[in-house]
Amino acid sequence: MNLKVEKQKPINVFYREIKVGEYFADLIVENKVILELKAAECLIEEHELQLIN
């Protein structure tokens, strides 16, 4: 589909215009969609909490 995909791209995280950290996205598609990849036999509560964040 010729989509632009970047792997392990760092993203600055801001809170009230102050940089508070950095997040490393597994994949970013077209600089618009962040994909967090998981490999597990089943989902547990910690996975769901990370998804919400």
C-alpha atoms as a PDB file:
ATOM      1  CA  MET A   1       0.000   0.000   0.000  1.00  0.00           C
ATOM      2  CA  ASN A   2       3.100   2.239  -0.013  1.00  0.00           C
ATOM      3  CA  LEU A   3       2.503   3.530   3.512  1.00  0.00           C
ATOM      4  CA  LYS A   4       5.324   5.271   5.344  1.00  0.00           C
ATOM      5  CA  VAL A   5       6.184   3.153   8.418  1.00  0.00           C
ATOM      6  CA  GLU A   6       8.810   3.971  11.045  1.00  0.00           C
ATOM      7  CA  LYS A   7      10.074   1.483  13.655  1.00  0.00           C
ATOM      8  CA  GLN A   8      11.069   2.274  17.249  1.00  0.00           C
ATOM      9  CA  LYS A   9      10.659   6.007  16.735  1.00  0.00           C
ATOM     10  CA  PRO A  10      11.148   8.162  19.848  1.00  0.00           C
ATOM     11  CA  ILE A  11       8.299  10.543  20.653  1.00  0.00           C
ATOM     12  CA  ASN A  12       8.639  13.375  23.151  1.00  0.00           C
ATOM     13  CA  VAL A  13       5.961  13.344  25.860  1.00  0.00           C
ATOM     14  CA  PHE A  14       4.716  16.678  27.202  1.00  0.00           C
ATOM     15  CA  TYR A  15       2.560  17.669  30.167  1.00  0.00           C
ATOM     16  CA  ARG A  16       1.395  21.278  30.214  1.00  0.00           C
ATOM     17  CA  GLU A  17       4.023  22.192  27.627  1.00  0.00           C
ATOM     18  CA  ILE A  18       6.849  20.675  29.720  1.00  0.00           C
ATOM     19  CA  LYS A  19       8.730  17.678  28.363  1.00  0.00           C
ATOM     20  CA  VAL A  20       8.320  14.901  30.916  1.00  0.00           C
ATOM     21  CA  GLY A  21       9.808  11.978  29.041  1.00  0.00           C
ATOM     22  CA  GLU A  22      10.175  10.021  25.873  1.00  0.00           C
ATOM     23  CA  TYR A  23       8.095   7.176  24.442  1.00  0.00           C
ATOM     24  CA  PHE A  24       9.355   4.676  21.889  1.00  0.00           C
ATOM     25  CA  ALA A  25       6.574   3.607  19.538  1.00  0.00           C
ATOM     26  CA  ASP A  26       6.882   0.122  18.063  1.00  0.00           C
ATOM     27  CA  LEU A  27       5.515   1.346  14.716  1.00  0.00           C
ATOM     28  CA  ILE A  28       4.228   4.678  13.435  1.00  0.00           C
ATOM     29  CA  VAL A  29       2.211   4.622  10.219  1.00  0.00           C
ATOM     30  CA  GLU A  30       1.987   7.748   8.073  1.00  0.00           C
ATOM     31  CA  ASN A  31       3.071   9.818  11.102  1.00  0.00           C
ATOM     32  CA  LYS A  32      -0.527   9.474  12.378  1.00  0.00           C
ATOM     33  CA  VAL A  33      -1.119   6.002  13.836  1.00  0.00           C
ATOM     34  CA  ILE A  34       0.919   4.497  16.692  1.00  0.00           C
ATOM     35  CA  LEU A  35       1.022   0.700  16.930  1.00  0.00           C
ATOM     36  CA  GLU A  36       2.146  -1.057  20.102  1.00  0.00           C
ATOM     37  CA  LEU A  37       2.893  -4.700  19.355  1.00  0.00           C
ATOM     38  CA  LYS A  38       2.469  -7.522  21.871  1.00  0.00           C
ATOM     39  CA  ALA A  39       3.108 -11.240  21.749  1.00  0.00           C
ATOM     40  CA  ALA A  40       1.359 -13.133  24.542  1.00  0.00           C
ATOM     41  CA  GLU A  41      -0.768 -16.229  24.994  1.00  0.00           C
ATOM     42  CA  CYS A  42      -3.498 -14.144  26.646  1.00  0.00           C
ATOM     43  CA  LEU A  43      -4.145 -10.574  27.754  1.00  0.00           C
ATOM     44  CA  ILE A  44      -3.752  -9.649  31.399  1.00  0.00           C
ATOM     45  CA  GLU A  45      -4.809  -6.528  33.285  1.00  0.00           C
ATOM     46  CA  GLU A  46      -1.398  -4.855  32.829  1.00  0.00           C
ATOM     47  CA  HIS A  47      -1.770  -5.154  29.037  1.00  0.00           C
ATOM     48  CA  GLU A  48      -5.188  -3.507  29.165  1.00  0.00           C
ATOM     49  CA  LEU A  49      -3.861  -0.671  31.343  1.00  0.00           C
ATOM     50  CA  GLN A  50      -1.019  -0.045  28.908  1.00  0.00           C
ATOM     51  CA  LEU A  51      -3.496   0.023  26.045  1.00  0.00           C
ATOM     52  CA  ILE A  52      -5.578   2.682  27.825  1.00  0.00           C
ATOM     53  CA  ASN A  53      -2.468   4.852  28.351  1.00  0.00           C
END
